[in-house]
Amino acid sequence: MKSLVAYFSATGTTEDAALKLAEAAGADTFRIAPLQPYTSADLDWRNAHSRSTVEMKNRQSRPAIVDKTLDLSKYSTVYIGFPIWWYTAPTIINTFLDTYDLQGKAIILFATSGGSTPQKALTELRAAYPQLYFKSAVLLNNASDEALSRLVKQSK
């Protein structure tokens, strides 16, 4: 069975980490792309009316995604990456989890952040999706090749 690196990246930082992880794991990639791309104004966390702030205040928010045709049957491990928003995973990650059947897959979360860890995201996603196996969560800010290799080995 193969591995998949699925990721949401609003500014490119998480995408860089995802592509490096995919190379280290010999994994396929899947970009979790919002149907409506995020603008700089949408990402302004200081603005109470910005799109990202409104979405994160409503944990039931499920931003639409572009591609809903991913075949997960050939993957045993799925790495899911995202930037940390408001100390947790953006709600578009819930859209991904609601859209695709990940039962029976080992899920490893990875995140990029300016100062938070992915532990709150792991706790919240485990509670929201008890039928899924979230194995771990790691921060991949500027991860070295050695750190990525270690993550891949631990994921097996």
Protein backbone atom coordinates (compact mmCIF):
# COMPACT_ATOMS: atom_id res chain seq x y z
CA MET A 1 0.00 0.00 0.00
CA LYS A 2 1.07 3.54 -0.70
CA SER A 3 1.08 6.79 1.23
CA LEU A 4 -0.64 10.04 0.37
CA VAL A 5 0.22 13.57 1.46
CA ALA A 6 -2.97 15.65 1.37
CA TYR A 7 -2.54 19.28 2.28
CA PHE A 8 -4.20 22.67 2.48
CA SER A 9 -1.91 25.66 2.03
CA ALA A 10 -3.12 29.23 1.97
CA THR A 11 0.22 30.98 1.40
CA GLY A 12 2.58 28.24 0.16
CA THR A 13 4.35 27.47 3.43
CA THR A 14 2.44 24.26 4.13
CA GLU A 15 2.72 23.26 0.48
CA ASP A 16 6.52 23.47 0.69
CA ALA A 17 6.49 21.19 3.75
CA ALA A 18 4.02 18.81 2.07
CA LEU A 19 6.10 18.43 -1.08
CA LYS A 20 9.26 17.75 0.95
CA LEU A 21 7.38 15.18 3.06
CA ALA A 22 5.97 13.50 -0.06
CA GLU A 23 9.45 13.21 -1.51
CA ALA A 24 10.82 11.72 1.73
CA ALA A 25 7.93 9.25 1.94
CA GLY A 26 7.75 8.41 -1.76
CA ALA A 27 4.11 9.45 -1.45
CA ASP A 28 1.55 10.83 -3.84
CA THR A 29 0.22 14.33 -3.19
CA PHE A 30 -3.24 15.86 -3.16
CA ARG A 31 -3.85 19.57 -2.73
CA ILE A 32 -6.96 20.36 -0.68
CA ALA A 33 -7.90 23.42 -2.70
CA PRO A 34 -10.72 25.72 -1.66
CA LEU A 35 -13.34 26.35 -4.33
CA GLN A 36 -12.95 30.04 -3.50
CA PRO A 37 -9.23 30.77 -3.02
CA TYR A 38 -8.23 32.76 0.05
CA THR A 39 -7.05 36.33 -0.48
CA SER A 40 -4.73 38.27 1.82
CA ALA A 41 -7.79 40.06 3.21
CA ASP A 42 -9.47 36.69 3.87
CA LEU A 43 -6.47 35.62 5.97
CA ASP A 44 -6.31 38.74 8.15
CA TRP A 45 -6.75 37.19 11.58
CA ARG A 46 -6.94 40.66 13.18
CA ASN A 47 -10.11 41.47 11.24
CA ALA A 48 -13.19 40.03 12.97
CA HIS A 49 -15.01 40.02 9.63
CA SER A 50 -12.32 38.34 7.52
CA ARG A 51 -13.29 35.05 5.92
CA SER A 52 -10.84 32.97 7.96
CA THR A 53 -11.96 34.54 11.23
CA VAL A 54 -15.64 33.97 10.43
CA GLU A 55 -14.95 30.34 9.46
CA MET A 56 -12.93 29.63 12.57
CA LYS A 57 -15.56 31.17 14.87
CA ASN A 58 -18.10 28.75 13.38
CA ARG A 59 -16.61 25.27 13.83
CA GLN A 60 -19.48 23.89 11.70
CA SER A 61 -18.16 25.86 8.72
CA ARG A 62 -17.18 23.63 5.80
CA PRO A 63 -15.51 25.64 3.03
CA ALA A 64 -16.12 23.99 -0.34
CA ILE A 65 -13.20 22.22 -1.98
CA VAL A 66 -12.41 21.93 -5.68
CA ASP A 67 -11.63 18.24 -6.19
CA LYS A 68 -13.90 15.56 -4.75
CA THR A 69 -12.71 12.63 -6.90
CA LEU A 70 -9.74 11.33 -4.90
CA ASP A 71 -9.54 7.52 -4.77
CA LEU A 72 -8.13 6.57 -1.36
CA SER A 73 -8.38 2.80 -1.84
CA LYS A 74 -4.66 2.38 -2.66
CA TYR A 75 -3.41 4.25 0.42
CA SER A 76 -2.79 2.83 3.88
CA THR A 77 -1.25 5.99 5.33
CA VAL A 78 -2.54 9.52 4.77
CA TYR A 79 -0.56 12.53 5.94
CA ILE A 80 -2.83 15.57 6.27
CA GLY A 81 -1.18 18.97 6.40
CA PHE A 82 -2.40 22.47 7.15
CA PRO A 83 -1.38 25.80 8.64
CA ILE A 84 -2.46 26.27 12.24
CA TRP A 85 -5.33 28.77 12.44
CA TRP A 86 -6.55 29.88 15.87
CA TYR A 87 -4.45 27.11 17.49
CA THR A 88 -6.08 24.31 15.48
CA ALA A 89 -6.83 22.98 11.99
CA PRO A 90 -8.70 25.22 9.54
CA THR A 91 -12.28 24.07 8.95
CA ILE A 92 -11.42 23.14 5.35
CA ILE A 93 -9.69 20.10 6.90
CA ASN A 94 -13.11 19.06 8.24
CA THR A 95 -14.46 19.44 4.71
CA PHE A 96 -11.79 17.01 3.52
CA LEU A 97 -12.51 14.55 6.33
CA ASP A 98 -16.26 14.78 5.71
CA THR A 99 -15.81 14.26 1.95
CA TYR A 100 -13.53 11.23 1.90
CA ASP A 101 -13.72 7.87 3.65
CA LEU A 102 -10.53 7.53 5.68
CA GLN A 103 -11.64 4.61 7.85
CA GLY A 104 -8.91 2.00 8.15
CA LYS A 105 -6.15 4.48 7.22
CA ALA A 106 -3.36 5.63 9.50
CA ILE A 107 -3.63 9.41 9.59
CA ILE A 108 -0.65 11.54 10.50
CA LEU A 109 -1.32 15.24 10.86
CA PHE A 110 1.37 17.77 10.07
CA ALA A 111 1.20 21.50 10.39
CA THR A 112 3.10 24.72 9.91
CA SER A 113 2.78 27.56 12.37
CA GLY A 114 4.36 30.73 13.58
CA GLY A 115 4.05 29.67 17.20
CA SER A 116 1.49 26.92 17.85
CA THR A 117 1.72 23.16 17.92
CA PRO A 118 -0.72 20.76 16.20
CA GLN A 119 -1.74 19.07 19.45
CA LYS A 120 -5.04 20.95 19.82
CA ALA A 121 -5.90 20.03 16.22
CA LEU A 122 -5.13 16.37 16.95
CA THR A 123 -7.31 16.39 20.08
CA GLU A 124 -10.21 18.14 18.35
CA LEU A 125 -10.11 15.97 15.21
CA ARG A 126 -9.94 12.77 17.27
CA ALA A 127 -13.04 13.93 19.18
CA ALA A 128 -14.90 14.98 16.02
CA TYR A 129 -14.02 11.82 14.05
CA PRO A 130 -13.76 8.95 16.58
CA GLN A 131 -14.09 6.39 13.79
CA LEU A 132 -10.75 7.49 12.29
CA TYR A 133 -7.24 6.52 13.41
CA PHE A 134 -5.24 9.68 13.98
CA LYS A 135 -1.82 8.28 14.77
CA SER A 136 0.07 11.48 15.56
CA ALA A 137 0.62 15.15 14.79
CA VAL A 138 3.87 16.97 14.11
CA LEU A 139 5.01 20.49 13.36
CA LEU A 140 6.99 20.72 10.10
CA ASN A 141 8.36 24.25 10.07
CA ASN A 142 11.51 24.13 7.91
CA ALA A 143 11.89 20.41 8.64
CA SER A 144 15.26 18.93 7.75
CA ASP A 145 15.59 15.90 5.50
CA GLU A 146 16.60 13.95 8.62
CA ALA A 147 13.45 15.00 10.51
CA LEU A 148 11.25 14.08 7.54
CA SER A 149 12.96 10.70 7.19
CA ARG A 150 12.44 10.06 10.92
CA LEU A 151 8.73 10.95 10.61
CA VAL A 152 8.29 8.60 7.67
CA LYS A 153 9.98 5.74 9.56
CA GLN A 154 7.80 6.36 12.63
CA SER A 155 4.70 6.36 10.43
CA LYS A 156 5.21 2.82 9.22
